[in-house]
Amino acid sequence: MATTRRATKRKKLTKKPARSIRESDKDRSSRSKKILKGLHKLYPEAECALTHKSALQLLVSTILSAQCTDVRVNMVTPALFKRYKTAKDFANADQKDVEKLIQSTGFYRNKAKNIIGAGRVMTEKFGGKVPDTMDELLELPGVARKTANVILGTWFGKNEGFVVDTHIGRLAHRLHLTWRSRDSKDAVKIERDLMEVFPQKEWAYTGHALIWHGRQVCSARKPDCENCTLKALCPSAFSFD
């Protein structure tokens, strides 16, 4: 007997053409300064949403955050950090045990493998400490440039690059702060452009603030343009149904 399925219809977010914008480097720089000023006013205390008390905890949390919300990561890490307190603890951890603790974050087998591997590299090569340079961080399993930027900017106060996650990629395009990238997932080119339009000392803060704005106002499915205080600076404002 044949069965029928009722398709669930979802209202898709449609995008109207954004306001045409052609601006010089000088005009873009001026607009980005106003955007940064607006972000400071909106989110004066913007910081990393991952709960952590050390560079090691931030490293592990950032690895866990791949394809997972920060809220979920923060639910998982208290039990994880209670059991594993040092890089050596993670290096000697049983993978099945780590997998069980982090399973709800998704891709848990690979994440557990990377966390244990990072613990071993830190123990064997960096004296059990989280390294504080880009090149050294990239030697750790599970650490790519985005993760390294989070750790350097958030914990060590070193602005060597600009974090580009899904929120920042989306806002960079909507605010027309990137001109080299193909789309919101073109992280390498988006990072390069954002590094040009914002002052280096502000890179870590700006990244956190854009993420907050992306979560609270300029969401992927339903941006709240009406109540966005940056709308006068955004070429994409009111271009979504």
C-alpha atoms as a PDB file:
ATOM      1  CA  MET A   1       0.000   0.000   0.000  1.00  0.00           C
ATOM      2  CA  ALA A   2       1.467   3.296  -1.069  1.00  0.00           C
ATOM      3  CA  THR A   3       1.935   5.988   1.506  1.00  0.00           C
ATOM      4  CA  THR A   4       1.826   9.697   0.958  1.00  0.00           C
ATOM      5  CA  ARG A   5       3.929  12.321   2.649  1.00  0.00           C
ATOM      6  CA  ARG A   6       2.778  15.789   3.365  1.00  0.00           C
ATOM      7  CA  ALA A   7       5.530  18.199   2.489  1.00  0.00           C
ATOM      8  CA  THR A   8       6.213  20.797   5.114  1.00  0.00           C
ATOM      9  CA  LYS A   9       6.264  24.184   3.523  1.00  0.00           C
ATOM     10  CA  ARG A  10       8.698  26.740   4.829  1.00  0.00           C
ATOM     11  CA  LYS A  11       8.612  30.362   3.963  1.00  0.00           C
ATOM     12  CA  LYS A  12      11.945  31.059   2.386  1.00  0.00           C
ATOM     13  CA  LEU A  13      13.766  34.294   2.948  1.00  0.00           C
ATOM     14  CA  THR A  14      13.842  36.137  -0.351  1.00  0.00           C
ATOM     15  CA  LYS A  15      16.219  38.943  -1.057  1.00  0.00           C
ATOM     16  CA  LYS A  16      15.309  42.034  -2.985  1.00  0.00           C
ATOM     17  CA  PRO A  17      18.082  43.832  -4.835  1.00  0.00           C
ATOM     18  CA  ALA A  18      20.193  45.741  -2.349  1.00  0.00           C
ATOM     19  CA  ARG A  19      20.707  49.426  -2.839  1.00  0.00           C
ATOM     20  CA  SER A  20      23.309  49.974  -5.515  1.00  0.00           C
ATOM     21  CA  ILE A  21      26.542  51.029  -3.896  1.00  0.00           C
ATOM     22  CA  ARG A  22      29.740  52.144  -5.535  1.00  0.00           C
ATOM     23  CA  GLU A  23      32.142  53.711  -3.142  1.00  0.00           C
ATOM     24  CA  SER A  24      35.777  54.655  -3.114  1.00  0.00           C
ATOM     25  CA  ASP A  25      38.237  53.218  -0.623  1.00  0.00           C
ATOM     26  CA  LYS A  26      37.960  56.495   1.267  1.00  0.00           C
ATOM     27  CA  ASP A  27      34.162  56.333   1.433  1.00  0.00           C
ATOM     28  CA  ARG A  28      34.227  52.675   2.486  1.00  0.00           C
ATOM     29  CA  SER A  29      36.730  53.509   5.211  1.00  0.00           C
ATOM     30  CA  SER A  30      34.522  56.334   6.442  1.00  0.00           C
ATOM     31  CA  ARG A  31      31.442  54.106   6.486  1.00  0.00           C
ATOM     32  CA  SER A  32      33.264  51.307   8.300  1.00  0.00           C
ATOM     33  CA  LYS A  33      34.352  53.760  11.007  1.00  0.00           C
ATOM     34  CA  LYS A  34      30.712  54.717  11.526  1.00  0.00           C
ATOM     35  CA  ILE A  35      29.743  51.032  11.666  1.00  0.00           C
ATOM     36  CA  LEU A  36      32.438  50.372  14.265  1.00  0.00           C
ATOM     37  CA  LYS A  37      31.259  53.349  16.305  1.00  0.00           C
ATOM     38  CA  GLY A  38      27.716  52.004  16.129  1.00  0.00           C
ATOM     39  CA  LEU A  39      28.847  48.554  17.264  1.00  0.00           C
ATOM     40  CA  HIS A  40      30.664  50.040  20.253  1.00  0.00           C
ATOM     41  CA  LYS A  41      27.503  51.862  21.231  1.00  0.00           C
ATOM     42  CA  LEU A  42      25.354  48.757  20.820  1.00  0.00           C
ATOM     43  CA  TYR A  43      27.710  46.202  22.347  1.00  0.00           C
ATOM     44  CA  PRO A  44      30.269  47.952  24.578  1.00  0.00           C
ATOM     45  CA  GLU A  45      31.037  44.679  26.373  1.00  0.00           C
ATOM     46  CA  ALA A  46      31.083  42.349  23.378  1.00  0.00           C
ATOM     47  CA  GLU A  47      33.242  39.334  24.076  1.00  0.00           C
ATOM     48  CA  CYS A  48      33.580  35.672  23.181  1.00  0.00           C
ATOM     49  CA  ALA A  49      30.379  33.759  23.902  1.00  0.00           C
ATOM     50  CA  LEU A  50      32.271  30.560  24.728  1.00  0.00           C
ATOM     51  CA  THR A  51      32.601  30.163  28.495  1.00  0.00           C
ATOM     52  CA  HIS A  52      36.249  29.674  29.462  1.00  0.00           C
ATOM     53  CA  LYS A  53      38.716  30.375  32.248  1.00  0.00           C
ATOM     54  CA  SER A  54      41.978  29.568  30.479  1.00  0.00           C
ATOM     55  CA  ALA A  55      43.563  29.427  27.057  1.00  0.00           C
ATOM     56  CA  LEU A  56      43.206  25.643  27.134  1.00  0.00           C
ATOM     57  CA  GLN A  57      39.489  25.816  27.843  1.00  0.00           C
ATOM     58  CA  LEU A  58      39.026  28.353  25.059  1.00  0.00           C
ATOM     59  CA  LEU A  59      40.975  26.143  22.653  1.00  0.00           C
ATOM     60  CA  VAL A  60      38.885  23.074  23.437  1.00  0.00           C
ATOM     61  CA  SER A  61      35.627  25.047  23.351  1.00  0.00           C
ATOM     62  CA  THR A  62      36.490  26.537  19.968  1.00  0.00           C
ATOM     63  CA  ILE A  63      37.254  23.109  18.521  1.00  0.00           C
ATOM     64  CA  LEU A  64      33.888  21.903  19.835  1.00  0.00           C
ATOM     65  CA  SER A  65      32.073  24.892  18.340  1.00  0.00           C
ATOM     66  CA  ALA A  66      32.570  23.715  14.762  1.00  0.00           C
ATOM     67  CA  GLN A  67      29.100  23.079  13.289  1.00  0.00           C
ATOM     68  CA  CYS A  68      27.633  23.614  16.749  1.00  0.00           C
ATOM     69  CA  THR A  69      26.125  26.511  18.680  1.00  0.00           C
ATOM     70  CA  ASP A  70      28.044  28.212  21.470  1.00  0.00           C
ATOM     71  CA  VAL A  71      25.075  27.563  23.760  1.00  0.00           C
ATOM     72  CA  ARG A  72      25.412  23.812  23.243  1.00  0.00           C
ATOM     73  CA  VAL A  73      29.186  23.933  23.746  1.00  0.00           C
ATOM     74  CA  ASN A  74      28.732  25.808  27.022  1.00  0.00           C
ATOM     75  CA  MET A  75      26.349  23.082  28.198  1.00  0.00           C
ATOM     76  CA  VAL A  76      28.924  20.373  27.504  1.00  0.00           C
ATOM     77  CA  THR A  77      32.185  21.884  28.715  1.00  0.00           C
ATOM     78  CA  PRO A  78      31.598  22.083  32.511  1.00  0.00           C
ATOM     79  CA  ALA A  79      31.651  18.282  32.863  1.00  0.00           C
ATOM     80  CA  LEU A  80      34.495  17.994  30.344  1.00  0.00           C
ATOM     81  CA  PHE A  81      36.685  20.549  32.114  1.00  0.00           C
ATOM     82  CA  LYS A  82      35.924  19.033  35.506  1.00  0.00           C
ATOM     83  CA  ARG A  83      37.408  15.734  34.344  1.00  0.00           C
ATOM     84  CA  TYR A  84      40.236  17.093  32.186  1.00  0.00           C
ATOM     85  CA  LYS A  85      42.067  20.108  33.577  1.00  0.00           C
ATOM     86  CA  THR A  86      45.411  20.176  31.764  1.00  0.00           C
ATOM     87  CA  ALA A  87      46.818  19.504  28.315  1.00  0.00           C
ATOM     88  CA  LYS A  88      48.386  16.331  29.729  1.00  0.00           C
ATOM     89  CA  ASP A  89      44.981  15.202  31.007  1.00  0.00           C
ATOM     90  CA  PHE A  90      43.584  15.527  27.496  1.00  0.00           C
ATOM     91  CA  ALA A  91      46.662  13.864  25.994  1.00  0.00           C
ATOM     92  CA  ASN A  92      46.089  10.804  28.178  1.00  0.00           C
ATOM     93  CA  ALA A  93      42.307  10.796  27.854  1.00  0.00           C
ATOM     94  CA  ASP A  94      40.350   7.793  26.647  1.00  0.00           C
ATOM     95  CA  GLN A  95      38.747   8.749  23.366  1.00  0.00           C
ATOM     96  CA  LYS A  96      35.497   6.917  24.102  1.00  0.00           C
ATOM     97  CA  ASP A  97      35.144   8.833  27.356  1.00  0.00           C
ATOM     98  CA  VAL A  98      35.711  12.183  25.641  1.00  0.00           C
ATOM     99  CA  GLU A  99      33.284  11.218  22.883  1.00  0.00           C
ATOM    100  CA  LYS A 100      30.592  10.458  25.452  1.00  0.00           C
ATOM    101  CA  LEU A 101      31.032  13.851  27.118  1.00  0.00           C
ATOM    102  CA  ILE A 102      30.930  15.857  23.870  1.00  0.00           C
ATOM    103  CA  GLN A 103      28.557  13.735  21.792  1.00  0.00           C
ATOM    104  CA  SER A 104      25.783  16.334  21.635  1.00  0.00           C
ATOM    105  CA  THR A 105      28.068  18.819  19.844  1.00  0.00           C
ATOM    106  CA  GLY A 106      28.090  16.724  16.668  1.00  0.00           C
ATOM    107  CA  PHE A 107      31.049  15.251  14.769  1.00  0.00           C
ATOM    108  CA  TYR A 108      32.124  14.095  18.206  1.00  0.00           C
ATOM    109  CA  ARG A 109      34.502  11.334  17.115  1.00  0.00           C
ATOM    110  CA  ASN A 110      36.649  13.659  15.051  1.00  0.00           C
ATOM    111  CA  LYS A 111      36.452  16.411  17.676  1.00  0.00           C
ATOM    112  CA  ALA A 112      37.533  14.008  20.426  1.00  0.00           C
ATOM    113  CA  LYS A 113      40.438  12.830  18.271  1.00  0.00           C
ATOM    114  CA  ASN A 114      41.533  16.418  17.636  1.00  0.00           C
ATOM    115  CA  ILE A 115      41.244  17.489  21.275  1.00  0.00           C
ATOM    116  CA  ILE A 116      43.322  14.525  22.441  1.00  0.00           C
ATOM    117  CA  GLY A 117      45.807  15.112  19.622  1.00  0.00           C
ATOM    118  CA  ALA A 118      46.120  18.794  20.509  1.00  0.00           C
ATOM    119  CA  GLY A 119      46.741  17.816  24.132  1.00  0.00           C
ATOM    120  CA  ARG A 120      49.562  15.532  23.043  1.00  0.00           C
ATOM    121  CA  VAL A 121      51.225  18.146  20.840  1.00  0.00           C
ATOM    122  CA  MET A 122      51.006  20.772  23.585  1.00  0.00           C
ATOM    123  CA  THR A 123      52.413  18.326  26.124  1.00  0.00           C
ATOM    124  CA  GLU A 124      55.240  17.089  23.926  1.00  0.00           C
ATOM    125  CA  LYS A 125      56.197  20.298  22.156  1.00  0.00           C
ATOM    126  CA  PHE A 126      54.917  23.341  24.052  1.00  0.00           C
ATOM    127  CA  GLY A 127      55.411  22.416  27.698  1.00  0.00           C
ATOM    128  CA  GLY A 128      51.725  21.715  28.242  1.00  0.00           C
ATOM    129  CA  LYS A 129      50.779  25.263  27.297  1.00  0.00           C
ATOM    130  CA  VAL A 130      48.627  26.678  24.528  1.00  0.00           C
ATOM    131  CA  PRO A 131      51.040  28.378  22.124  1.00  0.00           C
ATOM    132  CA  ASP A 132      50.569  32.072  21.427  1.00  0.00           C
ATOM    133  CA  THR A 133      51.624  32.382  17.796  1.00  0.00           C
ATOM    134  CA  MET A 134      49.700  31.656  14.626  1.00  0.00           C
ATOM    135  CA  ASP A 135      52.260  29.223  13.213  1.00  0.00           C
ATOM    136  CA  GLU A 136      52.460  27.211  16.438  1.00  0.00           C
ATOM    137  CA  LEU A 137      48.703  27.090  16.935  1.00  0.00           C
ATOM    138  CA  LEU A 138      48.269  25.744  13.426  1.00  0.00           C
ATOM    139  CA  GLU A 139      50.399  22.755  14.435  1.00  0.00           C
ATOM    140  CA  LEU A 140      47.640  21.590  16.774  1.00  0.00           C
ATOM    141  CA  PRO A 141      45.106  19.059  15.443  1.00  0.00           C
ATOM    142  CA  GLY A 142      41.701  20.632  14.947  1.00  0.00           C
ATOM    143  CA  VAL A 143      43.065  24.161  14.753  1.00  0.00           C
ATOM    144  CA  ALA A 144      42.697  26.164  11.547  1.00  0.00           C
ATOM    145  CA  ARG A 145      43.120  29.890  11.063  1.00  0.00           C
ATOM    146  CA  LYS A 146      39.689  30.818  12.456  1.00  0.00           C
ATOM    147  CA  THR A 147      40.291  28.927  15.699  1.00  0.00           C
ATOM    148  CA  ALA A 148      43.775  30.389  15.990  1.00  0.00           C
ATOM    149  CA  ASN A 149      42.394  33.911  15.517  1.00  0.00           C
ATOM    150  CA  VAL A 150      39.837  33.336  18.279  1.00  0.00           C
ATOM    151  CA  ILE A 151      42.515  32.219  20.734  1.00  0.00           C
ATOM    152  CA  LEU A 152      45.059  34.879  19.810  1.00  0.00           C
ATOM    153  CA  GLY A 153      42.602  37.761  19.870  1.00  0.00           C
ATOM    154  CA  THR A 154      40.416  36.693  22.775  1.00  0.00           C
ATOM    155  CA  TRP A 155      42.946  35.238  25.212  1.00  0.00           C
ATOM    156  CA  PHE A 156      46.319  36.630  24.245  1.00  0.00           C
ATOM    157  CA  GLY A 157      45.153  40.024  22.992  1.00  0.00           C
ATOM    158  CA  LYS A 158      47.010  39.548  19.716  1.00  0.00           C
ATOM    159  CA  ASN A 159      45.167  40.761  16.638  1.00  0.00           C
ATOM    160  CA  GLU A 160      46.949  38.812  13.923  1.00  0.00           C
ATOM    161  CA  GLY A 161      43.835  38.150  11.892  1.00  0.00           C
ATOM    162  CA  PHE A 162      40.075  38.543  11.755  1.00  0.00           C
ATOM    163  CA  VAL A 163      37.741  35.737  12.798  1.00  0.00           C
ATOM    164  CA  VAL A 164      35.273  34.857  10.036  1.00  0.00           C
ATOM    165  CA  ASP A 165      32.399  32.601  11.062  1.00  0.00           C
ATOM    166  CA  THR A 166      28.959  32.246   9.505  1.00  0.00           C
ATOM    167  CA  HIS A 167      27.620  35.395  11.199  1.00  0.00           C
ATOM    168  CA  ILE A 168      30.585  37.553  10.228  1.00  0.00           C
ATOM    169  CA  GLY A 169      30.575  36.242   6.667  1.00  0.00           C
ATOM    170  CA  ARG A 170      26.889  37.070   6.350  1.00  0.00           C
ATOM    171  CA  LEU A 171      27.192  40.565   7.818  1.00  0.00           C
ATOM    172  CA  ALA A 172      30.306  41.361   5.808  1.00  0.00           C
ATOM    173  CA  HIS A 173      28.274  40.830   2.647  1.00  0.00           C
ATOM    174  CA  ARG A 174      25.126  42.554   3.834  1.00  0.00           C
ATOM    175  CA  LEU A 175      27.092  45.578   5.016  1.00  0.00           C
ATOM    176  CA  HIS A 176      29.211  45.536   1.828  1.00  0.00           C
ATOM    177  CA  LEU A 177      32.433  45.363   3.814  1.00  0.00           C
ATOM    178  CA  THR A 178      33.886  42.769   1.472  1.00  0.00           C
ATOM    179  CA  TRP A 179      34.459  43.266  -2.237  1.00  0.00           C
ATOM    180  CA  ARG A 180      36.803  40.436  -3.174  1.00  0.00           C
ATOM    181  CA  SER A 181      34.814  37.467  -1.866  1.00  0.00           C
ATOM    182  CA  ARG A 182      32.416  35.435  -3.989  1.00  0.00           C
ATOM    183  CA  ASP A 183      29.936  34.794  -1.186  1.00  0.00           C
ATOM    184  CA  SER A 184      29.568  34.714   2.597  1.00  0.00           C
ATOM    185  CA  LYS A 185      31.536  31.449   2.832  1.00  0.00           C
ATOM    186  CA  ASP A 186      34.641  32.825   1.117  1.00  0.00           C
ATOM    187  CA  ALA A 187      36.383  33.250   4.480  1.00  0.00           C
ATOM    188  CA  VAL A 188      39.908  33.919   3.243  1.00  0.00           C
ATOM    189  CA  LYS A 189      38.947  36.903   1.105  1.00  0.00           C
ATOM    190  CA  ILE A 190      36.410  38.185   3.632  1.00  0.00           C
ATOM    191  CA  GLU A 191      39.092  38.187   6.321  1.00  0.00           C
ATOM    192  CA  ARG A 192      41.467  40.066   4.028  1.00  0.00           C
ATOM    193  CA  ASP A 193      38.848  42.732   3.305  1.00  0.00           C
ATOM    194  CA  LEU A 194      37.797  43.178   6.936  1.00  0.00           C
ATOM    195  CA  MET A 195      41.427  43.562   7.957  1.00  0.00           C
ATOM    196  CA  GLU A 196      41.627  46.475   5.544  1.00  0.00           C
ATOM    197  CA  VAL A 197      38.498  48.337   6.643  1.00  0.00           C
ATOM    198  CA  PHE A 198      38.844  48.022  10.431  1.00  0.00           C
ATOM    199  CA  PRO A 199      41.843  49.095  12.546  1.00  0.00           C
ATOM    200  CA  GLN A 200      43.997  46.191  13.731  1.00  0.00           C
ATOM    201  CA  LYS A 201      43.592  47.011  17.422  1.00  0.00           C
ATOM    202  CA  GLU A 202      39.830  46.528  16.974  1.00  0.00           C
ATOM    203  CA  TRP A 203      39.828  43.216  15.095  1.00  0.00           C
ATOM    204  CA  ALA A 204      38.993  40.948  18.040  1.00  0.00           C
ATOM    205  CA  TYR A 205      36.328  43.282  19.428  1.00  0.00           C
ATOM    206  CA  THR A 206      34.753  43.895  16.016  1.00  0.00           C
ATOM    207  CA  GLY A 207      34.518  40.171  15.385  1.00  0.00           C
ATOM    208  CA  HIS A 208      32.716  39.570  18.682  1.00  0.00           C
ATOM    209  CA  ALA A 209      30.402  42.555  18.112  1.00  0.00           C
ATOM    210  CA  LEU A 210      29.466  41.449  14.591  1.00  0.00           C
ATOM    211  CA  ILE A 211      28.683  37.968  15.893  1.00  0.00           C
ATOM    212  CA  TRP A 212      26.455  39.442  18.603  1.00  0.00           C
ATOM    213  CA  HIS A 213      24.713  41.631  16.023  1.00  0.00           C
ATOM    214  CA  GLY A 214      24.251  38.666  13.710  1.00  0.00           C
ATOM    215  CA  ARG A 215      22.598  36.681  16.472  1.00  0.00           C
ATOM    216  CA  GLN A 216      20.461  39.416  17.984  1.00  0.00           C
ATOM    217  CA  VAL A 217      19.458  41.592  15.018  1.00  0.00           C
ATOM    218  CA  CYS A 218      20.775  40.587  11.595  1.00  0.00           C
ATOM    219  CA  SER A 219      19.827  36.924  11.644  1.00  0.00           C
ATOM    220  CA  ALA A 220      20.124  34.688   8.616  1.00  0.00           C
ATOM    221  CA  ARG A 221      16.409  34.011   8.169  1.00  0.00           C
ATOM    222  CA  LYS A 222      14.766  37.171   9.415  1.00  0.00           C
ATOM    223  CA  PRO A 223      16.964  40.265   9.808  1.00  0.00           C
ATOM    224  CA  ASP A 224      15.272  42.921  11.934  1.00  0.00           C
ATOM    225  CA  CYS A 225      16.073  45.883   9.700  1.00  0.00           C
ATOM    226  CA  GLU A 226      13.339  48.038  11.226  1.00  0.00           C
ATOM    227  CA  ASN A 227      15.037  48.015  14.630  1.00  0.00           C
ATOM    228  CA  CYS A 228      18.622  47.901  13.423  1.00  0.00           C
ATOM    229  CA  THR A 229      20.555  51.023  14.388  1.00  0.00           C
ATOM    230  CA  LEU A 230      23.029  50.322  11.577  1.00  0.00           C
ATOM    231  CA  LYS A 231      20.383  50.395   8.847  1.00  0.00           C
ATOM    232  CA  ALA A 232      21.436  53.813   7.513  1.00  0.00           C
ATOM    233  CA  LEU A 233      24.908  52.360   6.911  1.00  0.00           C
ATOM    234  CA  CYS A 234      23.713  49.081   5.397  1.00  0.00           C
ATOM    235  CA  PRO A 235      23.104  48.803   1.631  1.00  0.00           C
ATOM    236  CA  SER A 236      21.063  45.636   2.232  1.00  0.00           C
ATOM    237  CA  ALA A 237      18.638  47.153   4.746  1.00  0.00           C
ATOM    238  CA  PHE A 238      14.987  46.324   4.033  1.00  0.00           C
ATOM    239  CA  SER A 239      15.954  44.138   1.073  1.00  0.00           C
ATOM    240  CA  PHE A 240      14.580  40.956   2.652  1.00  0.00           C
ATOM    241  CA  ASP A 241      11.017  39.619   2.767  1.00  0.00           C
END
